Amino acid sequence: DNLIDPQSVESKITKNTKDYFEGAILIGGYENYSAPYFLAAKQNGKWVFVTSGQDDPSCDAIEPYDFPRDIVDKCYDEQTKQTKENL
């Protein structure tokens, strides 16, 4: 049985600014290693879930939101197949 008790799922914010944050997904108090982080940005006064995963986020996913470097320092460029600095 692979069902997860919804009450055992929680999140914690690991990096944040006024309009951006990175968070971790916890199950039973432990980090979920299949999707250990997620990114959100505030747009028009509302939080938008941008992406989650365990690898560097896609540049295409984060660039429209202009994430600051202290929240996301690098991303994966799908066209060049390389990691690049988030400038």
C-alpha atoms as a PDB file:
ATOM      1  CA  ASP A   1       0.000   0.000   0.000  1.00  0.00           C
ATOM      2  CA  ASN A   2       1.700   3.221  -1.204  1.00  0.00           C
ATOM      3  CA  LEU A   3      -0.940   5.679  -0.014  1.00  0.00           C
ATOM      4  CA  ILE A   4       0.270   8.660   1.961  1.00  0.00           C
ATOM      5  CA  ASP A   5      -1.741  10.059   4.831  1.00  0.00           C
ATOM      6  CA  PRO A   6      -2.503  13.662   3.728  1.00  0.00           C
ATOM      7  CA  GLN A   7      -2.063  14.821   7.309  1.00  0.00           C
ATOM      8  CA  SER A   8       1.581  13.688   7.196  1.00  0.00           C
ATOM      9  CA  VAL A   9       2.371  15.994   4.222  1.00  0.00           C
ATOM     10  CA  GLU A  10       3.637  19.477   4.978  1.00  0.00           C
ATOM     11  CA  SER A  11       5.923  22.074   3.492  1.00  0.00           C
ATOM     12  CA  LYS A  12       8.532  24.421   4.844  1.00  0.00           C
ATOM     13  CA  ILE A  13       9.967  27.549   3.312  1.00  0.00           C
ATOM     14  CA  THR A  14      13.733  27.260   2.944  1.00  0.00           C
ATOM     15  CA  LYS A  15      14.507  30.580   1.157  1.00  0.00           C
ATOM     16  CA  ASN A  16      12.258  33.586   0.783  1.00  0.00           C
ATOM     17  CA  THR A  17      11.896  37.201  -0.154  1.00  0.00           C
ATOM     18  CA  LYS A  18       8.774  39.325  -0.253  1.00  0.00           C
ATOM     19  CA  ASP A  19       7.735  37.994  -3.688  1.00  0.00           C
ATOM     20  CA  TYR A  20       9.546  34.650  -4.099  1.00  0.00           C
ATOM     21  CA  PHE A  21      10.211  31.483  -2.160  1.00  0.00           C
ATOM     22  CA  GLU A  22      11.742  28.061  -2.321  1.00  0.00           C
ATOM     23  CA  GLY A  23      10.191  25.377  -0.194  1.00  0.00           C
ATOM     24  CA  ALA A  24      10.715  21.753   0.731  1.00  0.00           C
ATOM     25  CA  ILE A  25       8.056  19.042   0.771  1.00  0.00           C
ATOM     26  CA  LEU A  26       8.006  16.928   3.929  1.00  0.00           C
ATOM     27  CA  ILE A  27       6.219  13.625   4.462  1.00  0.00           C
ATOM     28  CA  GLY A  28       5.982  12.547   8.072  1.00  0.00           C
ATOM     29  CA  GLY A  29       8.509  15.266   8.944  1.00  0.00           C
ATOM     30  CA  TYR A  30      11.075  14.054   6.399  1.00  0.00           C
ATOM     31  CA  GLU A  31      12.034  15.624   3.072  1.00  0.00           C
ATOM     32  CA  ASN A  32      10.472  14.000   0.008  1.00  0.00           C
ATOM     33  CA  TYR A  33      13.507  13.089  -2.123  1.00  0.00           C
ATOM     34  CA  SER A  34      11.572  12.575  -5.388  1.00  0.00           C
ATOM     35  CA  ALA A  35      10.570  16.275  -5.375  1.00  0.00           C
ATOM     36  CA  PRO A  36      12.576  17.890  -2.580  1.00  0.00           C
ATOM     37  CA  TYR A  37      11.941  21.527  -3.499  1.00  0.00           C
ATOM     38  CA  PHE A  38       9.381  23.767  -5.130  1.00  0.00           C
ATOM     39  CA  LEU A  39       9.466  27.383  -6.308  1.00  0.00           C
ATOM     40  CA  ALA A  40       6.732  30.001  -6.116  1.00  0.00           C
ATOM     41  CA  ALA A  41       6.459  33.636  -7.169  1.00  0.00           C
ATOM     42  CA  LYS A  42       3.920  36.311  -6.322  1.00  0.00           C
ATOM     43  CA  GLN A  43       2.187  37.686  -9.422  1.00  0.00           C
ATOM     44  CA  ASN A  44      -0.553  40.316  -9.210  1.00  0.00           C
ATOM     45  CA  GLY A  45      -0.779  39.774  -5.448  1.00  0.00           C
ATOM     46  CA  LYS A  46      -1.259  35.972  -5.691  1.00  0.00           C
ATOM     47  CA  TRP A  47       1.230  33.151  -5.217  1.00  0.00           C
ATOM     48  CA  VAL A  48       1.941  31.078  -8.338  1.00  0.00           C
ATOM     49  CA  PHE A  49       3.428  27.588  -8.093  1.00  0.00           C
ATOM     50  CA  VAL A  50       6.215  27.656 -10.713  1.00  0.00           C
ATOM     51  CA  THR A  51       8.042  24.318 -10.585  1.00  0.00           C
ATOM     52  CA  SER A  52       9.276  21.501  -8.370  1.00  0.00           C
ATOM     53  CA  GLY A  53      11.902  18.813  -8.596  1.00  0.00           C
ATOM     54  CA  GLN A  54      15.238  17.577  -7.475  1.00  0.00           C
ATOM     55  CA  ASP A  55      17.354  18.936 -10.349  1.00  0.00           C
ATOM     56  CA  ASP A  56      18.083  22.508 -11.395  1.00  0.00           C
ATOM     57  CA  PRO A  57      14.841  24.136 -12.553  1.00  0.00           C
ATOM     58  CA  SER A  58      14.235  24.702 -16.241  1.00  0.00           C
ATOM     59  CA  CYS A  59      15.307  28.179 -17.375  1.00  0.00           C
ATOM     60  CA  ASP A  60      12.087  28.359 -19.430  1.00  0.00           C
ATOM     61  CA  ALA A  61      10.035  27.816 -16.245  1.00  0.00           C
ATOM     62  CA  ILE A  62      11.739  30.421 -14.055  1.00  0.00           C
ATOM     63  CA  GLU A  63      12.759  33.184 -16.470  1.00  0.00           C
ATOM     64  CA  PRO A  64       9.242  34.650 -16.940  1.00  0.00           C
ATOM     65  CA  TYR A  65       9.115  35.253 -13.164  1.00  0.00           C
ATOM     66  CA  ASP A  66      12.532  36.935 -12.866  1.00  0.00           C
ATOM     67  CA  PHE A  67      13.579  34.925  -9.783  1.00  0.00           C
ATOM     68  CA  PRO A  68      16.336  36.639  -7.805  1.00  0.00           C
ATOM     69  CA  ARG A  69      19.710  34.904  -7.708  1.00  0.00           C
ATOM     70  CA  ASP A  70      19.514  34.349  -3.937  1.00  0.00           C
ATOM     71  CA  ILE A  71      16.433  32.133  -4.465  1.00  0.00           C
ATOM     72  CA  VAL A  72      17.525  30.426  -7.736  1.00  0.00           C
ATOM     73  CA  ASP A  73      21.215  30.665  -8.608  1.00  0.00           C
ATOM     74  CA  LYS A  74      21.215  28.411 -11.700  1.00  0.00           C
ATOM     75  CA  CYS A  75      18.863  26.757 -14.158  1.00  0.00           C
ATOM     76  CA  TYR A  76      18.915  24.149 -16.908  1.00  0.00           C
ATOM     77  CA  ASP A  77      18.731  25.420 -20.483  1.00  0.00           C
ATOM     78  CA  GLU A  78      16.732  22.907 -22.559  1.00  0.00           C
ATOM     79  CA  GLN A  79      18.094  24.239 -25.881  1.00  0.00           C
ATOM     80  CA  THR A  80      21.798  24.016 -25.017  1.00  0.00           C
ATOM     81  CA  LYS A  81      21.356  21.058 -22.628  1.00  0.00           C
ATOM     82  CA  GLN A  82      23.563  22.854 -20.091  1.00  0.00           C
ATOM     83  CA  THR A  83      23.237  24.420 -16.683  1.00  0.00           C
ATOM     84  CA  LYS A  84      23.642  28.184 -16.655  1.00  0.00           C
ATOM     85  CA  GLU A  85      23.817  30.900 -14.013  1.00  0.00           C
ATOM     86  CA  ASN A  86      20.610  32.758 -13.225  1.00  0.00           C
ATOM     87  CA  LEU A  87      21.680  36.344 -13.854  1.00  0.00           C
END
